[in-house]
Protein backbone atom coordinates (compact mmCIF):
# COMPACT_ATOMS: atom_id res chain seq x y z
CA UNK A 1 13.88 12.46 3.65
CA UNK A 2 11.81 15.63 4.02
CA UNK A 3 10.90 15.40 0.36
CA UNK A 4 9.44 11.92 0.90
CA UNK A 5 7.39 13.16 3.85
CA UNK A 6 6.20 16.10 1.75
CA UNK A 7 5.08 13.80 -1.08
CA UNK A 8 3.30 11.52 1.39
CA UNK A 9 1.55 14.58 2.87
CA UNK A 10 0.30 15.56 -0.59
CA UNK A 11 -0.98 12.01 -1.18
CA UNK A 12 -2.66 12.03 2.23
CA UNK A 13 -4.31 15.41 1.56
CA UNK A 14 -5.60 14.16 -1.83
CA UNK A 15 -6.94 11.04 -0.17
CA UNK A 16 -8.73 13.04 2.54
CA UNK A 17 -10.25 15.35 -0.06
CA UNK A 18 -11.48 12.33 -2.03
CA UNK A 19 -13.08 10.93 1.13
CA UNK A 20 -14.94 14.19 1.69
CA UNK A 21 -16.01 14.64 -1.94
CA UNK A 22 -16.79 10.96 -2.59
CA UNK A 23 -19.65 10.44 -4.98
CA UNK A 24 -18.70 9.15 -8.41
CA UNK A 25 -17.18 5.76 -9.19
CA UNK A 26 -13.97 7.30 -10.49
CA UNK A 27 -13.33 8.78 -7.05
CA UNK A 28 -13.27 5.27 -5.64
CA UNK A 29 -10.51 4.49 -8.13
CA UNK A 30 -8.67 7.65 -7.06
CA UNK A 31 -8.98 6.65 -3.41
CA UNK A 32 -7.48 3.22 -4.07
CA UNK A 33 -4.64 4.65 -6.17
CA UNK A 34 -3.76 7.38 -3.68
CA UNK A 35 -4.08 4.98 -0.77
CA UNK A 36 -1.86 2.51 -2.60
CA UNK A 37 0.77 5.17 -3.20
CA UNK A 38 0.76 6.25 0.44
CA UNK A 39 1.17 2.64 1.56
CA UNK A 40 3.81 2.07 -1.14
CA UNK A 41 5.84 5.05 0.02
CA UNK A 42 5.48 3.93 3.64
CA UNK A 43 6.60 0.48 2.56
CA UNK A 44 9.74 1.87 0.93
CA UNK A 45 10.56 3.87 4.05
CA UNK A 46 10.16 0.78 6.24
CA UNK A 47 12.28 -1.35 3.93
CA UNK A 48 15.01 1.30 3.76
CA UNK A 49 15.05 1.49 7.53
CA UNK A 50 15.16 -2.29 7.79
CA UNK A 51 18.10 -2.65 5.45
CA UNK A 52 20.14 0.29 6.77
CA UNK A 53 19.77 0.16 10.57
CA UNK A 54 20.85 -2.60 12.93
CA UNK A 55 18.16 -2.61 15.62
CA UNK A 56 14.62 -3.69 14.85
CA UNK A 57 15.37 -4.82 11.31
CA UNK A 58 12.90 -7.70 11.38
CA UNK A 59 10.02 -5.46 12.38
CA UNK A 60 10.79 -2.82 9.75
CA UNK A 61 11.26 -5.33 6.92
CA UNK A 62 8.14 -7.30 7.87
CA UNK A 63 6.03 -4.15 8.04
CA UNK A 64 7.52 -2.90 4.78
CA UNK A 65 6.73 -6.15 2.96
CA UNK A 66 3.18 -6.20 4.34
CA UNK A 67 2.54 -2.62 3.26
CA UNK A 68 3.98 -3.37 -0.18
CA UNK A 69 1.61 -6.32 -0.67
CA UNK A 70 -1.38 -4.25 0.44
CA UNK A 71 -0.42 -1.34 -1.85
CA UNK A 72 0.11 -3.61 -4.86
CA UNK A 73 -3.26 -5.26 -4.16
CA UNK A 74 -4.98 -1.85 -4.18
CA UNK A 75 -3.38 -0.84 -7.46
CA UNK A 76 -4.19 -4.18 -9.11
CA UNK A 77 -7.81 -4.01 -7.92
CA UNK A 78 -8.11 -0.48 -9.29
CA UNK A 79 -6.96 -1.57 -12.73
CA UNK A 80 -9.09 -4.72 -12.68
CA UNK A 81 -12.24 -2.77 -11.84
CA UNK A 82 -11.78 0.13 -14.28
CA UNK A 83 -14.95 1.18 -16.05
CA UNK A 84 -17.18 -0.41 -13.42
CA UNK A 85 -16.13 -3.96 -14.34
CA UNK A 86 -16.52 -6.44 -11.51
CA UNK A 87 -13.16 -8.24 -11.02
CA UNK A 88 -13.23 -12.05 -10.92
CA UNK A 89 -13.37 -13.86 -7.61
CA UNK A 90 -10.72 -14.59 -6.52
CA UNK A 91 -8.85 -11.84 -8.30
CA UNK A 92 -5.16 -11.17 -8.74
CA UNK A 93 -5.51 -8.39 -6.14
CA UNK A 94 -6.60 -11.01 -3.59
CA UNK A 95 -3.26 -12.78 -4.00
CA UNK A 96 -1.46 -9.60 -2.95
CA UNK A 97 -3.88 -8.95 -0.08
CA UNK A 98 -3.15 -12.46 1.21
CA UNK A 99 0.55 -11.67 0.86
CA UNK A 100 0.02 -8.93 3.45
CA UNK A 101 -1.04 -11.51 6.02
CA UNK A 102 1.65 -13.95 4.97
CA UNK A 103 4.38 -11.36 5.47
CA UNK A 104 3.10 -10.63 8.97
CA UNK A 105 3.14 -14.27 10.04
CA UNK A 106 6.44 -15.37 8.52
CA UNK A 107 9.58 -15.67 10.59
CA UNK A 108 12.40 -13.36 9.66
CA UNK A 109 16.15 -13.76 10.09
CA UNK A 110 16.91 -10.03 10.13
CA UNK A 111 17.28 -9.61 13.89
């Protein structure tokens, strides 16, 4: 578990550095990729907690699914906008971003 927190700390540090340095378009891609990985790792931690512990399973699984949708949307948007290309509207990333809201409003039977 400490290894996961260490990896997330490295991702967070890289993200913070990219926020400070920010200037070129490729840094925007880096920010989305690092942010997506941080949210993806957080998502996995939430889902693991939701499927292994008894109390609060619905909250953990719902949060994990929402974070996963958001992270996937960031990664998809990064690949769709590589080289300065404007992604179509609506884009495939938008589907995943909407999945974030859908996962937060759905009823869960994990309680």
